PDB file of N, CA and C in Angstrom:
ATOM      1  N   MET A   1     121.374 186.109 117.980  1.00  0.00           N
ATOM      2  CA  MET A   1     122.470 186.007 117.050  1.00  0.00           C
ATOM      3  C   MET A   1     123.041 184.594 117.163  1.00  0.00           C
ATOM      4  N   ARG A   2     123.364 184.034 116.030  1.00  0.00           N
ATOM      5  CA  ARG A   2     124.015 182.719 115.999  1.00  0.00           C
ATOM      6  C   ARG A   2     125.405 182.918 115.403  1.00  0.00           C
ATOM      7  N   VAL A   3     126.410 182.472 116.123  1.00  0.00           N
ATOM      8  CA  VAL A   3     127.805 182.658 115.719  1.00  0.00           C
ATOM      9  C   VAL A   3     128.386 181.324 115.274  1.00  0.00           C
ATOM     10  N   HIS A   4     129.064 181.348 114.138  1.00  0.00           N
ATOM     11  CA  HIS A   4     129.719 180.157 113.595  1.00  0.00           C
ATOM     12  C   HIS A   4     131.229 180.393 113.627  1.00  0.00           C
ATOM     13  N   PRO A   5     131.947 179.790 114.573  1.00  0.00           N
ATOM     14  CA  PRO A   5     133.402 179.956 114.649  1.00  0.00           C
ATOM     15  C   PRO A   5     134.122 179.113 113.594  1.00  0.00           C
ATOM     16  N   ASN A   6     135.429 179.335 113.478  1.00  0.00           N
ATOM     17  CA  ASN A   6     136.294 178.601 112.538  1.00  0.00           C
ATOM     18  C   ASN A   6     135.903 178.806 111.078  1.00  0.00           C
ATOM     19  N   ALA A   7     135.335 179.942 110.757  1.00  0.00           N
ATOM     20  CA  ALA A   7     134.965 180.245 109.371  1.00  0.00           C
ATOM     21  C   ALA A   7     136.217 180.683 108.603  1.00  0.00           C
ATOM     22  N   PRO A   8     136.165 180.634 107.277  1.00  0.00           N
ATOM     23  CA  PRO A   8     137.319 181.101 106.492  1.00  0.00           C
ATOM     24  C   PRO A   8     137.607 182.584 106.690  1.00  0.00           C
ATOM     25  N   ARG A   9     136.547 183.374 106.974  1.00  0.00           N
ATOM     26  CA  ARG A   9     136.718 184.817 107.200  1.00  0.00           C
ATOM     27  C   ARG A   9     135.541 185.322 108.044  1.00  0.00           C
ATOM     28  N   ASN A  10     135.710 186.508 108.596  1.00  0.00           N
ATOM     29  CA  ASN A  10     134.628 187.136 109.354  1.00  0.00           C
ATOM     30  C   ASN A  10     133.611 187.713 108.381  1.00  0.00           C
ATOM     31  N   GLU A  11     132.332 187.426 108.620  1.00  0.00           N
ATOM     32  CA  GLU A  11     131.294 187.985 107.763  1.00  0.00           C
ATOM     33  C   GLU A  11     129.922 187.854 108.404  1.00  0.00           C
ATOM     34  N   VAL A  12     129.041 188.778 108.011  1.00  0.00           N
ATOM     35  CA  VAL A  12     127.637 188.678 108.393  1.00  0.00           C
ATOM     36  C   VAL A  12     126.984 187.808 107.336  1.00  0.00           C
ATOM     37  N   ALA A  13     126.390 186.701 107.763  1.00  0.00           N
ATOM     38  CA  ALA A  13     125.825 185.729 106.824  1.00  0.00           C
ATOM     39  C   ALA A  13     124.349 185.976 106.547  1.00  0.00           C
ATOM     40  N   GLY A  14     123.754 186.987 107.199  1.00  0.00           N
ATOM     41  CA  GLY A  14     122.360 187.318 106.944  1.00  0.00           C
ATOM     42  C   GLY A  14     121.432 186.806 108.029  1.00  0.00           C
ATOM     43  N   PHE A  15     120.138 186.852 107.723  1.00  0.00           N
ATOM     44  CA  PHE A  15     119.117 186.397 108.661  1.00  0.00           C
ATOM     45  C   PHE A  15     118.552 185.064 108.218  1.00  0.00           C
ATOM     46  N   ALA A  16     118.231 184.225 109.189  1.00  0.00           N
ATOM     47  CA  ALA A  16     117.526 182.970 108.933  1.00  0.00           C
ATOM     48  C   ALA A  16     116.600 182.743 110.117  1.00  0.00           C
ATOM     49  N   ALA A  17     115.337 182.615 109.854  1.00  0.00           N
ATOM     50  CA  ALA A  17     114.320 182.406 110.890  1.00  0.00           C
ATOM     51  C   ALA A  17     114.373 183.500 111.957  1.00  0.00           C
ATOM     52  N   GLY A  18     114.623 184.746 111.530  1.00  0.00           N
ATOM     53  CA  GLY A  18     114.642 185.872 112.455  1.00  0.00           C
ATOM     54  C   GLY A  18     115.892 185.989 113.304  1.00  0.00           C
ATOM     55  N   VAL A  19     116.920 185.202 112.996  1.00  0.00           N
ATOM     56  CA  VAL A  19     118.161 185.213 113.768  1.00  0.00           C
ATOM     57  C   VAL A  19     119.303 185.672 112.875  1.00  0.00           C
ATOM     58  N   LEU A  20     120.055 186.674 113.350  1.00  0.00           N
ATOM     59  CA  LEU A  20     121.221 187.133 112.618  1.00  0.00           C
ATOM     60  C   LEU A  20     122.311 186.081 112.721  1.00  0.00           C
ATOM     61  N   ARG A  21     122.936 185.743 111.599  1.00  0.00           N
ATOM     62  CA  ARG A  21     124.014 184.757 111.576  1.00  0.00           C
ATOM     63  C   ARG A  21     125.320 185.461 111.222  1.00  0.00           C
ATOM     64  N   VAL A  22     126.342 185.196 112.032  1.00  0.00           N
ATOM     65  CA  VAL A  22     127.653 185.805 111.851  1.00  0.00           C
ATOM     66  C   VAL A  22     128.707 184.708 111.876  1.00  0.00           C
ATOM     67  N   ARG A  23     129.638 184.786 110.957  1.00  0.00           N
ATOM     68  CA  ARG A  23     130.757 183.838 110.921  1.00  0.00           C
ATOM     69  C   ARG A  23     132.017 184.563 111.379  1.00  0.00           C
ATOM     70  N   VAL A  24     132.794 183.910 112.237  1.00  0.00           N
ATOM     71  CA  VAL A  24     134.067 184.469 112.681  1.00  0.00           C
ATOM     72  C   VAL A  24     135.177 183.456 112.439  1.00  0.00           C
ATOM     73  N   ALA A  25     136.350 183.965 112.127  1.00  0.00           N
ATOM     74  CA  ALA A  25     137.474 183.106 111.771  1.00  0.00           C
ATOM     75  C   ALA A  25     138.131 182.452 112.986  1.00  0.00           C
ATOM     76  N   ALA A  26     137.956 183.014 114.149  1.00  0.00           N
ATOM     77  CA  ALA A  26     138.620 182.498 115.352  1.00  0.00           C
ATOM     78  C   ALA A  26     137.975 181.200 115.832  1.00  0.00           C
ATOM     79  N   PRO A  27     138.783 180.343 116.466  1.00  0.00           N
ATOM     80  CA  PRO A  27     138.238 179.096 117.029  1.00  0.00           C
ATOM     81  C   PRO A  27     137.522 179.368 118.348  1.00  0.00           C
ATOM     82  N   PRO A  28     136.609 178.488 118.750  1.00  0.00           N
ATOM     83  CA  PRO A  28     135.889 178.676 120.008  1.00  0.00           C
ATOM     84  C   PRO A  28     136.696 178.172 121.212  1.00  0.00           C
ATOM     85  N   VAL A  29     137.905 178.686 121.348  1.00  0.00           N
ATOM     86  CA  VAL A  29     138.811 178.244 122.404  1.00  0.00           C
ATOM     87  C   VAL A  29     139.283 179.464 123.194  1.00  0.00           C
ATOM     88  N   LYS A  30     139.248 179.368 124.517  1.00  0.00           N
ATOM     89  CA  LYS A  30     139.752 180.427 125.398  1.00  0.00           C
ATOM     90  C   LYS A  30     139.178 181.801 125.050  1.00  0.00           C
ATOM     91  N   ASP A  31     137.895 181.867 124.727  1.00  0.00           N
ATOM     92  CA  ASP A  31     137.181 183.118 124.473  1.00  0.00           C
ATOM     93  C   ASP A  31     137.634 183.834 123.185  1.00  0.00           C
ATOM     94  N   LYS A  32     138.429 183.161 122.350  1.00  0.00           N
ATOM     95  CA  LYS A  32     138.930 183.795 121.122  1.00  0.00           C
ATOM     96  C   LYS A  32     137.800 184.171 120.170  1.00  0.00           C
ATOM     97  N   ALA A  33     136.819 183.292 119.996  1.00  0.00           N
ATOM     98  CA  ALA A  33     135.714 183.572 119.071  1.00  0.00           C
ATOM     99  C   ALA A  33     134.876 184.751 119.577  1.00  0.00           C
ATOM    100  N   ASN A  34     134.651 184.832 120.887  1.00  0.00           N
ATOM    101  CA  ASN A  34     133.893 185.956 121.440  1.00  0.00           C
ATOM    102  C   ASN A  34     134.632 187.269 121.234  1.00  0.00           C
ATOM    103  N   LYS A  35     135.932 187.279 121.468  1.00  0.00           N
ATOM    104  CA  LYS A  35     136.729 188.491 121.274  1.00  0.00           C
ATOM    105  C   LYS A  35     136.737 188.900 119.807  1.00  0.00           C
ATOM    106  N   GLU A  36     136.862 187.936 118.917  1.00  0.00           N
ATOM    107  CA  GLU A  36     136.834 188.210 117.473  1.00  0.00           C
ATOM    108  C   GLU A  36     135.473 188.751 117.060  1.00  0.00           C
ATOM    109  N   LEU A  37     134.407 188.184 117.610  1.00  0.00           N
ATOM    110  CA  LEU A  37     133.053 188.643 117.311  1.00  0.00           C
ATOM    111  C   LEU A  37     132.871 190.095 117.727  1.00  0.00           C
ATOM    112  N   VAL A  38     133.286 190.433 118.936  1.00  0.00           N
ATOM    113  CA  VAL A  38     133.146 191.809 119.425  1.00  0.00           C
ATOM    114  C   VAL A  38     133.964 192.770 118.569  1.00  0.00           C
ATOM    115  N   ALA A  39     135.190 192.394 118.222  1.00  0.00           N
ATOM    116  CA  ALA A  39     136.035 193.251 117.379  1.00  0.00           C
ATOM    117  C   ALA A  39     135.417 193.432 115.999  1.00  0.00           C
ATOM    118  N   PHE A  40     134.912 192.366 115.416  1.00  0.00           N
ATOM    119  CA  PHE A  40     134.304 192.418 114.084  1.00  0.00           C
ATOM    120  C   PHE A  40     133.045 193.284 114.094  1.00  0.00           C
ATOM    121  N   LEU A  41     132.169 193.065 115.064  1.00  0.00           N
ATOM    122  CA  LEU A  41     130.936 193.855 115.130  1.00  0.00           C
ATOM    123  C   LEU A  41     131.233 195.329 115.406  1.00  0.00           C
ATOM    124  N   SER A  42     132.208 195.620 116.247  1.00  0.00           N
ATOM    125  CA  SER A  42     132.532 197.018 116.533  1.00  0.00           C
ATOM    126  C   SER A  42     133.031 197.722 115.276  1.00  0.00           C
ATOM    127  N   GLN A  43     133.784 197.002 114.457  1.00  0.00           N
ATOM    128  CA  GLN A  43     134.285 197.576 113.198  1.00  0.00           C
ATOM    129  C   GLN A  43     133.137 197.849 112.226  1.00  0.00           C
ATOM    130  N   ILE A  44     132.258 196.894 112.055  1.00  0.00           N
ATOM    131  CA  ILE A  44     131.130 197.046 111.124  1.00  0.00           C
ATOM    132  C   ILE A  44     130.161 198.128 111.590  1.00  0.00           C
ATOM    133  N   LEU A  45     129.892 198.157 112.889  1.00  0.00           N
ATOM    134  CA  LEU A  45     128.900 199.085 113.422  1.00  0.00           C
ATOM    135  C   LEU A  45     129.468 200.475 113.673  1.00  0.00           C
ATOM    136  N   GLY A  46     130.788 200.596 113.686  1.00  0.00           N
ATOM    137  CA  GLY A  46     131.407 201.896 113.913  1.00  0.00           C
ATOM    138  C   GLY A  46     131.299 202.353 115.362  1.00  0.00           C
ATOM    139  N   VAL A  47     131.350 201.407 116.289  1.00  0.00           N
ATOM    140  CA  VAL A  47     131.322 201.726 117.718  1.00  0.00           C
ATOM    141  C   VAL A  47     132.550 201.114 118.374  1.00  0.00           C
ATOM    142  N   SER A  48     132.841 201.548 119.596  1.00  0.00           N
ATOM    143  CA  SER A  48     133.982 200.972 120.307  1.00  0.00           C
ATOM    144  C   SER A  48     133.646 199.561 120.785  1.00  0.00           C
ATOM    145  N   LYS A  49     134.677 198.787 121.056  1.00  0.00           N
ATOM    146  CA  LYS A  49     134.466 197.434 121.573  1.00  0.00           C
ATOM    147  C   LYS A  49     133.735 197.474 122.908  1.00  0.00           C
ATOM    148  N   GLY A  50     133.969 198.537 123.668  1.00  0.00           N
ATOM    149  CA  GLY A  50     133.325 198.692 124.966  1.00  0.00           C
ATOM    150  C   GLY A  50     131.820 198.918 124.871  1.00  0.00           C
ATOM    151  N   ALA A  51     131.335 199.301 123.700  1.00  0.00           N
ATOM    152  CA  ALA A  51     129.902 199.528 123.499  1.00  0.00           C
ATOM    153  C   ALA A  51     129.154 198.209 123.285  1.00  0.00           C
ATOM    154  N   LEU A  52     129.881 197.118 123.115  1.00  0.00           N
ATOM    155  CA  LEU A  52     129.275 195.803 122.880  1.00  0.00           C
ATOM    156  C   LEU A  52     129.462 194.918 124.112  1.00  0.00           C
ATOM    157  N   THR A  53     128.385 194.291 124.533  1.00  0.00           N
ATOM    158  CA  THR A  53     128.440 193.394 125.688  1.00  0.00           C
ATOM    159  C   THR A  53     127.689 192.109 125.361  1.00  0.00           C
ATOM    160  N   ILE A  54     128.341 190.983 125.575  1.00  0.00           N
ATOM    161  CA  ILE A  54     127.657 189.698 125.406  1.00  0.00           C
ATOM    162  C   ILE A  54     126.851 189.463 126.686  1.00  0.00           C
ATOM    163  N   ILE A  55     125.536 189.582 126.564  1.00  0.00           N
ATOM    164  CA  ILE A  55     124.634 189.464 127.705  1.00  0.00           C
ATOM    165  C   ILE A  55     124.380 187.995 128.051  1.00  0.00           C
ATOM    166  N   LYS A  56     124.252 187.178 127.027  1.00  0.00           N
ATOM    167  CA  LYS A  56     123.881 185.778 127.218  1.00  0.00           C
ATOM    168  C   LYS A  56     124.575 184.931 126.157  1.00  0.00           C
ATOM    169  N   GLY A  57     125.069 183.758 126.537  1.00  0.00           N
ATOM    170  CA  GLY A  57     125.612 182.820 125.573  1.00  0.00           C
ATOM    171  C   GLY A  57     127.107 182.875 125.347  1.00  0.00           C
ATOM    172  N   ARG A  58     127.884 183.265 126.348  1.00  0.00           N
ATOM    173  CA  ARG A  58     129.342 183.342 126.162  1.00  0.00           C
ATOM    174  C   ARG A  58     129.927 181.999 125.731  1.00  0.00           C
ATOM    175  N   ALA A  59     129.345 180.894 126.188  1.00  0.00           N
ATOM    176  CA  ALA A  59     129.869 179.566 125.860  1.00  0.00           C
ATOM    177  C   ALA A  59     128.979 178.839 124.857  1.00  0.00           C
ATOM    178  N   SER A  60     128.148 179.584 124.154  1.00  0.00           N
ATOM    179  CA  SER A  60     127.202 178.993 123.216  1.00  0.00           C
ATOM    180  C   SER A  60     127.313 179.676 121.857  1.00  0.00           C
ATOM    181  N   LYS A  61     126.835 179.006 120.817  1.00  0.00           N
ATOM    182  CA  LYS A  61     126.776 179.633 119.495  1.00  0.00           C
ATOM    183  C   LYS A  61     125.661 180.671 119.432  1.00  0.00           C
ATOM    184  N   ASN A  62     124.644 180.501 120.275  1.00  0.00           N
ATOM    185  CA  ASN A  62     123.523 181.438 120.331  1.00  0.00           C
ATOM    186  C   ASN A  62     123.834 182.504 121.370  1.00  0.00           C
ATOM    187  N   LYS A  63     123.855 183.757 120.951  1.00  0.00           N
ATOM    188  CA  LYS A  63     124.249 184.851 121.834  1.00  0.00           C
ATOM    189  C   LYS A  63     123.241 185.985 121.792  1.00  0.00           C
ATOM    190  N   VAL A  64     123.182 186.712 122.894  1.00  0.00           N
ATOM    191  CA  VAL A  64     122.431 187.958 122.969  1.00  0.00           C
ATOM    192  C   VAL A  64     123.466 189.029 123.262  1.00  0.00           C
ATOM    193  N   ILE A  65     123.502 190.062 122.403  1.00  0.00           N
ATOM    194  CA  ILE A  65     124.506 191.110 122.529  1.00  0.00           C
ATOM    195  C   ILE A  65     123.823 192.458 122.674  1.00  0.00           C
ATOM    196  N   ALA A  66     124.274 193.234 123.664  1.00  0.00           N
ATOM    197  CA  ALA A  66     123.781 194.598 123.860  1.00  0.00           C
ATOM    198  C   ALA A  66     124.739 195.546 123.147  1.00  0.00           C
ATOM    199  N   ILE A  67     124.171 196.526 122.434  1.00  0.00           N
ATOM    200  CA  ILE A  67     124.974 197.503 121.706  1.00  0.00           C
ATOM    201  C   ILE A  67     124.537 198.886 122.151  1.00  0.00           C
ATOM    202  N   ASP A  68     125.439 199.621 122.800  1.00  0.00           N
ATOM    203  CA  ASP A  68     125.136 200.960 123.290  1.00  0.00           C
ATOM    204  C   ASP A  68     125.382 201.996 122.198  1.00  0.00           C
ATOM    205  N   GLY A  69     124.519 202.996 122.135  1.00  0.00           N
ATOM    206  CA  GLY A  69     124.736 204.144 121.263  1.00  0.00           C
ATOM    207  C   GLY A  69     124.090 204.071 119.895  1.00  0.00           C
ATOM    208  N   LEU A  70     123.435 202.963 119.559  1.00  0.00           N
ATOM    209  CA  LEU A  70     122.784 202.838 118.255  1.00  0.00           C
ATOM    210  C   LEU A  70     121.360 202.331 118.430  1.00  0.00           C
ATOM    211  N   SER A  71     120.466 202.811 117.574  1.00  0.00           N
ATOM    212  CA  SER A  71     119.105 202.281 117.581  1.00  0.00           C
ATOM    213  C   SER A  71     119.085 200.959 116.822  1.00  0.00           C
ATOM    214  N   GLN A  72     118.008 200.217 116.986  1.00  0.00           N
ATOM    215  CA  GLN A  72     117.885 198.945 116.269  1.00  0.00           C
ATOM    216  C   GLN A  72     117.909 199.182 114.757  1.00  0.00           C
ATOM    217  N   GLU A  73     117.292 200.255 114.312  1.00  0.00           N
ATOM    218  CA  GLU A  73     117.271 200.578 112.876  1.00  0.00           C
ATOM    219  C   GLU A  73     118.684 200.865 112.359  1.00  0.00           C
ATOM    220  N   GLN A  74     119.456 201.630 113.121  1.00  0.00           N
ATOM    221  CA  GLN A  74     120.838 201.923 112.718  1.00  0.00           C
ATOM    222  C   GLN A  74     121.673 200.647 112.664  1.00  0.00           C
ATOM    223  N   ILE A  75     121.479 199.782 113.620  1.00  0.00           N
ATOM    224  CA  ILE A  75     122.224 198.517 113.662  1.00  0.00           C
ATOM    225  C   ILE A  75     121.911 197.683 112.424  1.00  0.00           C
ATOM    226  N   MET A  76     120.637 197.562 112.098  1.00  0.00           N
ATOM    227  CA  MET A  76     120.233 196.752 110.944  1.00  0.00           C
ATOM    228  C   MET A  76     120.790 197.321 109.642  1.00  0.00           C
ATOM    229  N   LYS A  77     120.772 198.634 109.490  1.00  0.00           N
ATOM    230  CA  LYS A  77     121.302 199.267 108.275  1.00  0.00           C
ATOM    231  C   LYS A  77     122.798 199.019 108.121  1.00  0.00           C
ATOM    232  N   ARG A  78     123.507 199.025 109.226  1.00  0.00           N
ATOM    233  CA  ARG A  78     124.958 198.828 109.160  1.00  0.00           C
ATOM    234  C   ARG A  78     125.344 197.366 108.985  1.00  0.00           C
ATOM    235  N   LEU A  79     124.556 196.455 109.555  1.00  0.00           N
ATOM    236  CA  LEU A  79     124.861 195.031 109.416  1.00  0.00           C
ATOM    237  C   LEU A  79     124.450 194.473 108.051  1.00  0.00           C
ATOM    238  N   LEU A  80     123.323 194.963 107.533  1.00  0.00           N
ATOM    239  CA  LEU A  80     122.801 194.444 106.266  1.00  0.00           C
ATOM    240  C   LEU A  80     122.546 195.582 105.295  1.00  0.00           C
ATOM    241  N   PRO A  81     123.612 196.220 104.793  1.00  0.00           N
ATOM    242  CA  PRO A  81     123.408 197.331 103.860  1.00  0.00           C
ATOM    243  C   PRO A  81     122.792 196.848 102.545  1.00  0.00           C
ATOM    244  N   GLY A  82     121.973 197.723 101.976  1.00  0.00           N
ATOM    245  CA  GLY A  82     121.372 197.422 100.669  1.00  0.00           C
ATOM    246  C   GLY A  82     120.340 196.410 100.780  1.00  0.00           C
TER     247      GLY A  82
END
């Protein structure tokens, strides 16, 4: 996943080169963008914030996130409907 902080609004920007791109409105300061990302993804995916864990890339735009309770197919359907 590639995260773009300081966006005008939170949104899933789609896939590019096999990488999910997400924009978050929070700045990359004091973990604000990471917290906003987790809150945004939990809302879209319909899971609790505790079900999401940033495994790799807390200080990077490139992140690996673990999501408990959903299959990869369910995640893709919820992130990219239609």
